[in-house]
Each structure stands twice: as structure tokens, then as C-alpha cells.
Amino acid sequence: MLVYTLIDILTYLMNIIVIVVIVQFVLSLLISFNVVNMHNNGVAAVWKAVNAILEPLLAPIRKIMPDTGMIDLSPMVLIIGLSIVIRLLSVIPYYTG
């Protein structure tokens, strides 16, 4: 019973991280196309918060991945990695009995 609860909690946390990655992507597009401005305090606060959450997760991935120029593929690698971990965690209760 405890295993199911722990797996559910980890799955929810990983899904939240995936959502934060998507928010960072959309916000970066809005900033780069000048739809929102970093001089707005709300936008700047959200951008700093999202980067503070994701940078510890993305920095090791960026060190491993080759340089691709202006395209940063580390968020995609993070989402794929988290998806794999979620799928592996969902199988564990079937093997633990």
C-alpha cells in the first residue's frame, strides 16, 4: 500500500516538472517574439522562478549533450527521461506483489 502511495507522489511531482518545462518553453517564446516584456515585474518573477526550479535539472543534461548552437534540446531530453521514469515506476507494483 505504501509503495502505491510513494509511486503516485513521485509521478505527480514528475508531471508537475513536465508542466513547468512547458511553461518555460511558452514563456521563452513569448519573450523572444516580444509579446511579453521582461521589464514587467510579474513576467520577470515568473521567469526567474521557473528557471530557478529547472536549472538544477537541466544543467547536468546540458553538460552531457553536444553543443547544438542556438537550439537547446535539454528540456526535451528532460521530458523524455521523466516519461521513461514514470512508466518504469508504474510497473513496479506489479513486480513487488
PDB file of N, CA and C in Angstrom:
ATOM      1  N   MET A   1       0.818  -1.196   0.000  1.00  0.00           N
ATOM      2  CA  MET A   1       0.000   0.000   0.000  1.00  0.00           C
ATOM      3  C   MET A   1       0.865   1.264   0.000  1.00  0.00           C
ATOM      4  N   LEU A   2       1.939   1.233   0.795  1.00  0.00           N
ATOM      5  CA  LEU A   2       2.829   2.383   0.853  1.00  0.00           C
ATOM      6  C   LEU A   2       3.564   2.594  -0.471  1.00  0.00           C
ATOM      7  N   VAL A   3       3.856   1.501  -1.153  1.00  0.00           N
ATOM      8  CA  VAL A   3       4.547   1.597  -2.441  1.00  0.00           C
ATOM      9  C   VAL A   3       3.685   2.339  -3.453  1.00  0.00           C
ATOM     10  N   TYR A   4       2.391   2.042  -3.474  1.00  0.00           N
ATOM     11  CA  TYR A   4       1.490   2.726  -4.404  1.00  0.00           C
ATOM     12  C   TYR A   4       1.438   4.228  -4.127  1.00  0.00           C
ATOM     13  N   THR A   5       1.402   4.584  -2.856  1.00  0.00           N
ATOM     14  CA  THR A   5       1.340   5.994  -2.484  1.00  0.00           C
ATOM     15  C   THR A   5       2.615   6.721  -2.876  1.00  0.00           C
ATOM     16  N   LEU A   6       3.752   6.126  -2.605  1.00  0.00           N
ATOM     17  CA  LEU A   6       5.026   6.757  -2.972  1.00  0.00           C
ATOM     18  C   LEU A   6       5.163   6.910  -4.481  1.00  0.00           C
ATOM     19  N   ILE A   7       4.742   5.900  -5.208  1.00  0.00           N
ATOM     20  CA  ILE A   7       4.810   5.978  -6.669  1.00  0.00           C
ATOM     21  C   ILE A   7       3.881   7.061  -7.194  1.00  0.00           C
ATOM     22  N   ASP A   8       2.694   7.173  -6.611  1.00  0.00           N
ATOM     23  CA  ASP A   8       1.763   8.232  -7.023  1.00  0.00           C
ATOM     24  C   ASP A   8       2.335   9.615  -6.742  1.00  0.00           C
ATOM     25  N   ILE A   9       2.945   9.796  -5.578  1.00  0.00           N
ATOM     26  CA  ILE A   9       3.529  11.091  -5.232  1.00  0.00           C
ATOM     27  C   ILE A   9       4.663  11.437  -6.198  1.00  0.00           C
ATOM     28  N   LEU A  10       5.547  10.482  -6.470  1.00  0.00           N
ATOM     29  CA  LEU A  10       6.637  10.734  -7.411  1.00  0.00           C
ATOM     30  C   LEU A  10       6.122  11.027  -8.817  1.00  0.00           C
ATOM     31  N   THR A  11       5.092  10.316  -9.220  1.00  0.00           N
ATOM     32  CA  THR A  11       4.507  10.553 -10.539  1.00  0.00           C
ATOM     33  C   THR A  11       3.916  11.954 -10.635  1.00  0.00           C
ATOM     34  N   TYR A  12       3.200  12.394  -9.599  1.00  0.00           N
ATOM     35  CA  TYR A  12       2.642  13.745  -9.603  1.00  0.00           C
ATOM     36  C   TYR A  12       3.740  14.802  -9.649  1.00  0.00           C
ATOM     37  N   LEU A  13       4.802  14.593  -8.876  1.00  0.00           N
ATOM     38  CA  LEU A  13       5.906  15.560  -8.888  1.00  0.00           C
ATOM     39  C   LEU A  13       6.570  15.634 -10.259  1.00  0.00           C
ATOM     40  N   MET A  14       6.757  14.496 -10.893  1.00  0.00           N
ATOM     41  CA  MET A  14       7.368  14.495 -12.226  1.00  0.00           C
ATOM     42  C   MET A  14       6.449  15.140 -13.256  1.00  0.00           C
ATOM     43  N   ASN A  15       5.147  14.927 -13.130  1.00  0.00           N
ATOM     44  CA  ASN A  15       4.208  15.587 -14.041  1.00  0.00           C
ATOM     45  C   ASN A  15       4.222  17.099 -13.844  1.00  0.00           C
ATOM     46  N   ILE A  16       4.378  17.552 -12.607  1.00  0.00           N
ATOM     47  CA  ILE A  16       4.479  18.986 -12.349  1.00  0.00           C
ATOM     48  C   ILE A  16       5.744  19.554 -12.986  1.00  0.00           C
ATOM     49  N   ILE A  17       6.841  18.814 -12.912  1.00  0.00           N
ATOM     50  CA  ILE A  17       8.084  19.274 -13.545  1.00  0.00           C
ATOM     51  C   ILE A  17       7.907  19.385 -15.058  1.00  0.00           C
ATOM     52  N   VAL A  18       7.219  18.424 -15.657  1.00  0.00           N
ATOM     53  CA  VAL A  18       6.968  18.486 -17.102  1.00  0.00           C
ATOM     54  C   VAL A  18       6.139  19.723 -17.441  1.00  0.00           C
ATOM     55  N   ILE A  19       5.144  20.026 -16.627  1.00  0.00           N
ATOM     56  CA  ILE A  19       4.321  21.218 -16.860  1.00  0.00           C
ATOM     57  C   ILE A  19       5.165  22.482 -16.736  1.00  0.00           C
ATOM     58  N   VAL A  20       6.072  22.526 -15.766  1.00  0.00           N
ATOM     59  CA  VAL A  20       6.936  23.691 -15.599  1.00  0.00           C
ATOM     60  C   VAL A  20       7.869  23.842 -16.808  1.00  0.00           C
ATOM     61  N   VAL A  21       8.343  22.745 -17.365  1.00  0.00           N
ATOM     62  CA  VAL A  21       9.170  22.813 -18.577  1.00  0.00           C
ATOM     63  C   VAL A  21       8.367  23.404 -19.731  1.00  0.00           C
ATOM     64  N   ILE A  22       7.124  22.996 -19.865  1.00  0.00           N
ATOM     65  CA  ILE A  22       6.272  23.535 -20.934  1.00  0.00           C
ATOM     66  C   ILE A  22       6.003  25.017 -20.714  1.00  0.00           C
ATOM     67  N   VAL A  23       5.783  25.414 -19.453  1.00  0.00           N
ATOM     68  CA  VAL A  23       5.580  26.834 -19.141  1.00  0.00           C
ATOM     69  C   VAL A  23       6.828  27.638 -19.500  1.00  0.00           C
ATOM     70  N   GLN A  24       8.002  27.103 -19.193  1.00  0.00           N
ATOM     71  CA  GLN A  24       9.241  27.795 -19.538  1.00  0.00           C
ATOM     72  C   GLN A  24       9.375  27.948 -21.049  1.00  0.00           C
ATOM     73  N   PHE A  25       9.030  26.901 -21.785  1.00  0.00           N
ATOM     74  CA  PHE A  25       9.118  26.958 -23.242  1.00  0.00           C
ATOM     75  C   PHE A  25       8.190  28.023 -23.806  1.00  0.00           C
ATOM     76  N   VAL A  26       6.940  28.025 -23.367  1.00  0.00           N
ATOM     77  CA  VAL A  26       5.969  29.000 -23.875  1.00  0.00           C
ATOM     78  C   VAL A  26       6.379  30.416 -23.487  1.00  0.00           C
ATOM     79  N   LEU A  27       6.825  30.590 -22.249  1.00  0.00           N
ATOM     80  CA  LEU A  27       7.240  31.917 -21.808  1.00  0.00           C
ATOM     81  C   LEU A  27       8.463  32.402 -22.582  1.00  0.00           C
ATOM     82  N   SER A  28       9.397  31.497 -22.883  1.00  0.00           N
ATOM     83  CA  SER A  28      10.569  31.905 -23.662  1.00  0.00           C
ATOM     84  C   SER A  28      10.178  32.313 -25.081  1.00  0.00           C
ATOM     85  N   LEU A  29       9.200  31.622 -25.651  1.00  0.00           N
ATOM     86  CA  LEU A  29       8.714  32.038 -26.974  1.00  0.00           C
ATOM     87  C   LEU A  29       8.046  33.402 -26.913  1.00  0.00           C
ATOM     88  N   LEU A  30       7.230  33.625 -25.887  1.00  0.00           N
ATOM     89  CA  LEU A  30       6.553  34.918 -25.754  1.00  0.00           C
ATOM     90  C   LEU A  30       7.557  36.048 -25.544  1.00  0.00           C
ATOM     91  N   ILE A  31       8.616  35.779 -24.809  1.00  0.00           N
ATOM     92  CA  ILE A  31       9.640  36.804 -24.586  1.00  0.00           C
ATOM     93  C   ILE A  31      10.436  37.051 -25.864  1.00  0.00           C
ATOM     94  N   SER A  32      10.796  35.986 -26.571  1.00  0.00           N
ATOM     95  CA  SER A  32      11.616  36.165 -27.772  1.00  0.00           C
ATOM     96  C   SER A  32      10.850  36.839 -28.907  1.00  0.00           C
ATOM     97  N   PHE A  33       9.532  36.632 -28.978  1.00  0.00           N
ATOM     98  CA  PHE A  33       8.731  37.295 -30.008  1.00  0.00           C
ATOM     99  C   PHE A  33       8.171  38.623 -29.515  1.00  0.00           C
ATOM    100  N   ASN A  34       8.640  39.072 -28.352  1.00  0.00           N
ATOM    101  CA  ASN A  34       8.298  40.374 -27.790  1.00  0.00           C
ATOM    102  C   ASN A  34       6.795  40.540 -27.532  1.00  0.00           C
ATOM    103  N   VAL A  35       6.142  39.451 -27.179  1.00  0.00           N
ATOM    104  CA  VAL A  35       4.731  39.517 -26.800  1.00  0.00           C
ATOM    105  C   VAL A  35       4.617  39.996 -25.355  1.00  0.00           C
ATOM    106  N   VAL A  36       5.492  39.467 -24.509  1.00  0.00           N
ATOM    107  CA  VAL A  36       5.588  39.948 -23.132  1.00  0.00           C
ATOM    108  C   VAL A  36       6.980  40.533 -22.937  1.00  0.00           C
ATOM    109  N   ASN A  37       7.081  41.420 -21.970  1.00  0.00           N
ATOM    110  CA  ASN A  37       8.318  42.158 -21.775  1.00  0.00           C
ATOM    111  C   ASN A  37       8.922  41.795 -20.433  1.00  0.00           C
ATOM    112  N   MET A  38      10.229  41.616 -20.391  1.00  0.00           N
ATOM    113  CA  MET A  38      10.909  41.295 -19.140  1.00  0.00           C
ATOM    114  C   MET A  38      10.951  42.481 -18.186  1.00  0.00           C
ATOM    115  N   HIS A  39      10.587  43.666 -18.647  1.00  0.00           N
ATOM    116  CA  HIS A  39      10.524  44.823 -17.757  1.00  0.00           C
ATOM    117  C   HIS A  39       9.286  44.769 -16.867  1.00  0.00           C
ATOM    118  N   ASN A  40       8.330  43.931 -17.232  1.00  0.00           N
ATOM    119  CA  ASN A  40       7.161  43.712 -16.380  1.00  0.00           C
ATOM    120  C   ASN A  40       7.599  42.865 -15.186  1.00  0.00           C
ATOM    121  N   ASN A  41       7.311  43.325 -13.979  1.00  0.00           N
ATOM    122  CA  ASN A  41       7.770  42.632 -12.776  1.00  0.00           C
ATOM    123  C   ASN A  41       7.168  41.235 -12.643  1.00  0.00           C
ATOM    124  N   GLY A  42       5.921  41.058 -13.046  1.00  0.00           N
ATOM    125  CA  GLY A  42       5.276  39.742 -12.960  1.00  0.00           C
ATOM    126  C   GLY A  42       5.925  38.731 -13.885  1.00  0.00           C
ATOM    127  N   VAL A  43       6.194  39.150 -15.102  1.00  0.00           N
ATOM    128  CA  VAL A  43       6.834  38.265 -16.072  1.00  0.00           C
ATOM    129  C   VAL A  43       8.243  37.916 -15.614  1.00  0.00           C
ATOM    130  N   ALA A  44       8.964  38.909 -15.128  1.00  0.00           N
ATOM    131  CA  ALA A  44      10.332  38.666 -14.658  1.00  0.00           C
ATOM    132  C   ALA A  44      10.342  37.722 -13.456  1.00  0.00           C
ATOM    133  N   ALA A  45       9.360  37.863 -12.560  1.00  0.00           N
ATOM    134  CA  ALA A  45       9.295  36.989 -11.384  1.00  0.00           C
ATOM    135  C   ALA A  45       8.986  35.550 -11.782  1.00  0.00           C
ATOM    136  N   VAL A  46       8.052  35.371 -12.704  1.00  0.00           N
ATOM    137  CA  VAL A  46       7.714  34.020 -13.168  1.00  0.00           C
ATOM    138  C   VAL A  46       8.907  33.403 -13.887  1.00  0.00           C
ATOM    139  N   TRP A  47       9.590  34.178 -14.723  1.00  0.00           N
ATOM    140  CA  TRP A  47      10.752  33.671 -15.462  1.00  0.00           C
ATOM    141  C   TRP A  47      11.865  33.239 -14.509  1.00  0.00           C
ATOM    142  N   LYS A  48      12.134  34.055 -13.476  1.00  0.00           N
ATOM    143  CA  LYS A  48      13.167  33.714 -12.509  1.00  0.00           C
ATOM    144  C   LYS A  48      12.785  32.473 -11.707  1.00  0.00           C
ATOM    145  N   ALA A  49      11.511  32.365 -11.333  1.00  0.00           N
ATOM    146  CA  ALA A  49      11.055  31.209 -10.549  1.00  0.00           C
ATOM    147  C   ALA A  49      11.148  29.925 -11.362  1.00  0.00           C
ATOM    148  N   VAL A  50      10.707  29.977 -12.600  1.00  0.00           N
ATOM    149  CA  VAL A  50      10.746  28.792 -13.459  1.00  0.00           C
ATOM    150  C   VAL A  50      12.187  28.369 -13.712  1.00  0.00           C
ATOM    151  N   ASN A  51      13.061  29.325 -13.958  1.00  0.00           N
ATOM    152  CA  ASN A  51      14.475  28.992 -14.184  1.00  0.00           C
ATOM    153  C   ASN A  51      15.138  28.477 -12.915  1.00  0.00           C
ATOM    154  N   ALA A  52      14.747  28.999 -11.762  1.00  0.00           N
ATOM    155  CA  ALA A  52      15.321  28.510 -10.502  1.00  0.00           C
ATOM    156  C   ALA A  52      14.902  27.069 -10.233  1.00  0.00           C
ATOM    157  N   ILE A  53      13.702  26.710 -10.651  1.00  0.00           N
ATOM    158  CA  ILE A  53      13.223  25.336 -10.462  1.00  0.00           C
ATOM    159  C   ILE A  53      13.912  24.389 -11.438  1.00  0.00           C
ATOM    160  N   LEU A  54      14.043  24.805 -12.686  1.00  0.00           N
ATOM    161  CA  LEU A  54      14.507  23.887 -13.728  1.00  0.00           C
ATOM    162  C   LEU A  54      16.021  23.851 -13.923  1.00  0.00           C
ATOM    163  N   GLU A  55      16.728  24.889 -13.560  1.00  0.00           N
ATOM    164  CA  GLU A  55      18.164  24.924 -13.837  1.00  0.00           C
ATOM    165  C   GLU A  55      18.937  23.787 -13.172  1.00  0.00           C
ATOM    166  N   PRO A  56      18.634  23.396 -11.914  1.00  0.00           N
ATOM    167  CA  PRO A  56      19.361  22.245 -11.346  1.00  0.00           C
ATOM    168  C   PRO A  56      19.099  20.936 -12.094  1.00  0.00           C
ATOM    169  N   LEU A  57      17.973  20.839 -12.774  1.00  0.00           N
ATOM    170  CA  LEU A  57      17.661  19.625 -13.530  1.00  0.00           C
ATOM    171  C   LEU A  57      18.241  19.671 -14.941  1.00  0.00           C
ATOM    172  N   LEU A  58      18.290  20.862 -15.527  1.00  0.00           N
ATOM    173  CA  LEU A  58      18.743  20.978 -16.915  1.00  0.00           C
ATOM    174  C   LEU A  58      20.258  21.124 -17.045  1.00  0.00           C
ATOM    175  N   ALA A  59      20.924  21.652 -16.035  1.00  0.00           N
ATOM    176  CA  ALA A  59      22.378  21.886 -16.135  1.00  0.00           C
ATOM    177  C   ALA A  59      23.169  20.600 -16.365  1.00  0.00           C
ATOM    178  N   PRO A  60      22.899  19.498 -15.644  1.00  0.00           N
ATOM    179  CA  PRO A  60      23.655  18.271 -15.936  1.00  0.00           C
ATOM    180  C   PRO A  60      23.388  17.714 -17.338  1.00  0.00           C
ATOM    181  N   ILE A  61      22.166  17.889 -17.817  1.00  0.00           N
ATOM    182  CA  ILE A  61      21.831  17.415 -19.164  1.00  0.00           C
ATOM    183  C   ILE A  61      22.589  18.245 -20.196  1.00  0.00           C
ATOM    184  N   ARG A  62      22.687  19.548 -19.972  1.00  0.00           N
ATOM    185  CA  ARG A  62      23.409  20.420 -20.911  1.00  0.00           C
ATOM    186  C   ARG A  62      24.895  20.100 -20.954  1.00  0.00           C
ATOM    187  N   LYS A  63      25.450  19.643 -19.829  1.00  0.00           N
ATOM    188  CA  LYS A  63      26.875  19.282 -19.804  1.00  0.00           C
ATOM    189  C   LYS A  63      27.145  18.035 -20.645  1.00  0.00           C
ATOM    190  N   ILE A  64      26.200  17.110 -20.652  1.00  0.00           N
ATOM    191  CA  ILE A  64      26.372  15.845 -21.360  1.00  0.00           C
ATOM    192  C   ILE A  64      26.107  16.001 -22.856  1.00  0.00           C
ATOM    193  N   MET A  65      25.096  16.787 -23.206  1.00  0.00           N
ATOM    194  CA  MET A  65      24.679  16.896 -24.605  1.00  0.00           C
ATOM    195  C   MET A  65      25.680  17.713 -25.419  1.00  0.00           C
ATOM    196  N   PRO A  66      25.819  17.369 -26.700  1.00  0.00           N
ATOM    197  CA  PRO A  66      26.707  18.168 -27.566  1.00  0.00           C
ATOM    198  C   PRO A  66      26.113  19.542 -27.845  1.00  0.00           C
ATOM    199  N   ASP A  67      26.970  20.479 -28.199  1.00  0.00           N
ATOM    200  CA  ASP A  67      26.529  21.840 -28.490  1.00  0.00           C
ATOM    201  C   ASP A  67      25.769  21.848 -29.812  1.00  0.00           C
ATOM    202  N   THR A  68      24.537  22.345 -29.779  1.00  0.00           N
ATOM    203  CA  THR A  68      23.712  22.400 -30.992  1.00  0.00           C
ATOM    204  C   THR A  68      23.478  23.833 -31.439  1.00  0.00           C
ATOM    205  N   GLY A  69      24.278  24.754 -30.959  1.00  0.00           N
ATOM    206  CA  GLY A  69      24.119  26.143 -31.366  1.00  0.00           C
ATOM    207  C   GLY A  69      23.031  26.832 -30.569  1.00  0.00           C
ATOM    208  N   MET A  70      22.104  27.431 -31.273  1.00  0.00           N
ATOM    209  CA  MET A  70      21.056  28.199 -30.609  1.00  0.00           C
ATOM    210  C   MET A  70      19.923  27.331 -30.094  1.00  0.00           C
ATOM    211  N   ILE A  71      19.850  26.080 -30.502  1.00  0.00           N
ATOM    212  CA  ILE A  71      18.754  25.204 -30.101  1.00  0.00           C
ATOM    213  C   ILE A  71      19.146  24.456 -28.835  1.00  0.00           C
ATOM    214  N   ASP A  72      18.332  24.606 -27.792  1.00  0.00           N
ATOM    215  CA  ASP A  72      18.568  23.914 -26.529  1.00  0.00           C
ATOM    216  C   ASP A  72      17.609  22.719 -26.450  1.00  0.00           C
ATOM    217  N   LEU A  73      18.159  21.534 -26.576  1.00  0.00           N
ATOM    218  CA  LEU A  73      17.340  20.326 -26.560  1.00  0.00           C
ATOM    219  C   LEU A  73      17.240  19.687 -25.176  1.00  0.00           C
ATOM    220  N   SER A  74      17.873  20.285 -24.184  1.00  0.00           N
ATOM    221  CA  SER A  74      17.852  19.688 -22.850  1.00  0.00           C
ATOM    222  C   SER A  74      16.453  19.602 -22.231  1.00  0.00           C
ATOM    223  N   PRO A  75      15.529  20.559 -22.440  1.00  0.00           N
ATOM    224  CA  PRO A  75      14.180  20.371 -21.902  1.00  0.00           C
ATOM    225  C   PRO A  75      13.467  19.151 -22.504  1.00  0.00           C
ATOM    226  N   MET A  76      13.694  18.910 -23.793  1.00  0.00           N
ATOM    227  CA  MET A  76      13.076  17.751 -24.423  1.00  0.00           C
ATOM    228  C   MET A  76      13.654  16.458 -23.854  1.00  0.00           C
ATOM    229  N   VAL A  77      14.959  16.429 -23.619  1.00  0.00           N
ATOM    230  CA  VAL A  77      15.594  15.253 -23.026  1.00  0.00           C
ATOM    231  C   VAL A  77      15.063  15.031 -21.612  1.00  0.00           C
ATOM    232  N   LEU A  78      14.866  16.117 -20.866  1.00  0.00           N
ATOM    233  CA  LEU A  78      14.319  16.005 -19.514  1.00  0.00           C
ATOM    234  C   LEU A  78      12.905  15.436 -19.536  1.00  0.00           C
ATOM    235  N   ILE A  79      12.070  15.914 -20.444  1.00  0.00           N
ATOM    236  CA  ILE A  79      10.696  15.410 -20.535  1.00  0.00           C
ATOM    237  C   ILE A  79      10.687  13.938 -20.924  1.00  0.00           C
ATOM    238  N   ILE A  80      11.509  13.550 -21.876  1.00  0.00           N
ATOM    239  CA  ILE A  80      11.573  12.143 -22.288  1.00  0.00           C
ATOM    240  C   ILE A  80      12.084  11.281 -21.143  1.00  0.00           C
ATOM    241  N   GLY A  81      13.107  11.743 -20.449  1.00  0.00           N
ATOM    242  CA  GLY A  81      13.639  10.989 -19.313  1.00  0.00           C
ATOM    243  C   GLY A  81      12.622  10.825 -18.202  1.00  0.00           C
ATOM    244  N   LEU A  82      11.902  11.898 -17.886  1.00  0.00           N
ATOM    245  CA  LEU A  82      10.868  11.802 -16.856  1.00  0.00           C
ATOM    246  C   LEU A  82       9.735  10.870 -17.282  1.00  0.00           C
ATOM    247  N   SER A  83       9.394  10.895 -18.559  1.00  0.00           N
ATOM    248  CA  SER A  83       8.342   9.992 -19.055  1.00  0.00           C
ATOM    249  C   SER A  83       8.767   8.533 -18.911  1.00  0.00           C
ATOM    250  N   ILE A  84      10.018   8.258 -19.192  1.00  0.00           N
ATOM    251  CA  ILE A  84      10.522   6.887 -19.040  1.00  0.00           C
ATOM    252  C   ILE A  84      10.489   6.468 -17.581  1.00  0.00           C
ATOM    253  N   VAL A  85      10.915   7.359 -16.690  1.00  0.00           N
ATOM    254  CA  VAL A  85      10.906   7.035 -15.263  1.00  0.00           C
ATOM    255  C   VAL A  85       9.483   6.819 -14.764  1.00  0.00           C
ATOM    256  N   ILE A  86       8.543   7.625 -15.214  1.00  0.00           N
ATOM    257  CA  ILE A  86       7.143   7.456 -14.814  1.00  0.00           C
ATOM    258  C   ILE A  86       6.622   6.094 -15.264  1.00  0.00           C
ATOM    259  N   ARG A  87       6.945   5.710 -16.487  1.00  0.00           N
ATOM    260  CA  ARG A  87       6.493   4.397 -16.983  1.00  0.00           C
ATOM    261  C   ARG A  87       7.132   3.263 -16.191  1.00  0.00           C
ATOM    262  N   LEU A  88       8.408   3.400 -15.855  1.00  0.00           N
ATOM    263  CA  LEU A  88       9.068   2.364 -15.062  1.00  0.00           C
ATOM    264  C   LEU A  88       8.487   2.290 -13.655  1.00  0.00           C
ATOM    265  N   LEU A  89       8.168   3.437 -13.067  1.00  0.00           N
ATOM    266  CA  LEU A  89       7.576   3.436 -11.731  1.00  0.00           C
ATOM    267  C   LEU A  89       6.185   2.819 -11.715  1.00  0.00           C
ATOM    268  N   SER A  90       5.453   2.990 -12.801  1.00  0.00           N
ATOM    269  CA  SER A  90       4.093   2.443 -12.833  1.00  0.00           C
ATOM    270  C   SER A  90       4.092   0.921 -12.931  1.00  0.00           C
ATOM    271  N   VAL A  91       5.206   0.327 -13.320  1.00  0.00           N
ATOM    272  CA  VAL A  91       5.295  -1.126 -13.447  1.00  0.00           C
ATOM    273  C   VAL A  91       5.755  -1.779 -12.146  1.00  0.00           C
ATOM    274  N   ILE A  92       6.423  -1.037 -11.276  1.00  0.00           N
ATOM    275  CA  ILE A  92       6.992  -1.603 -10.053  1.00  0.00           C
ATOM    276  C   ILE A  92       5.976  -2.331  -9.182  1.00  0.00           C
ATOM    277  N   PRO A  93       4.775  -1.807  -8.938  1.00  0.00           N
ATOM    278  CA  PRO A  93       3.845  -2.532  -8.048  1.00  0.00           C
ATOM    279  C   PRO A  93       3.466  -3.911  -8.551  1.00  0.00           C
ATOM    280  N   TYR A  94       3.507  -4.135  -9.838  1.00  0.00           N
ATOM    281  CA  TYR A  94       3.142  -5.439 -10.371  1.00  0.00           C
ATOM    282  C   TYR A  94       4.196  -6.498 -10.055  1.00  0.00           C
ATOM    283  N   TYR A  95       5.447  -6.050  -9.867  1.00  0.00           N
ATOM    284  CA  TYR A  95       6.515  -6.979  -9.580  1.00  0.00           C
ATOM    285  C   TYR A  95       6.779  -7.149  -8.087  1.00  0.00           C
ATOM    286  N   THR A  96       6.294  -6.201  -7.262  1.00  0.00           N
ATOM    287  CA  THR A  96       6.529  -6.314  -5.830  1.00  0.00           C
ATOM    288  C   THR A  96       5.444  -7.105  -5.137  1.00  0.00           C
ATOM    289  N   GLY A  97       4.353  -7.325  -5.818  1.00  0.00           N
ATOM    290  CA  GLY A  97       3.282  -8.151  -5.259  1.00  0.00           C
ATOM    291  C   GLY A  97       2.437  -7.403  -4.404  1.00  0.00           C
TER     292      GLY A  97
END
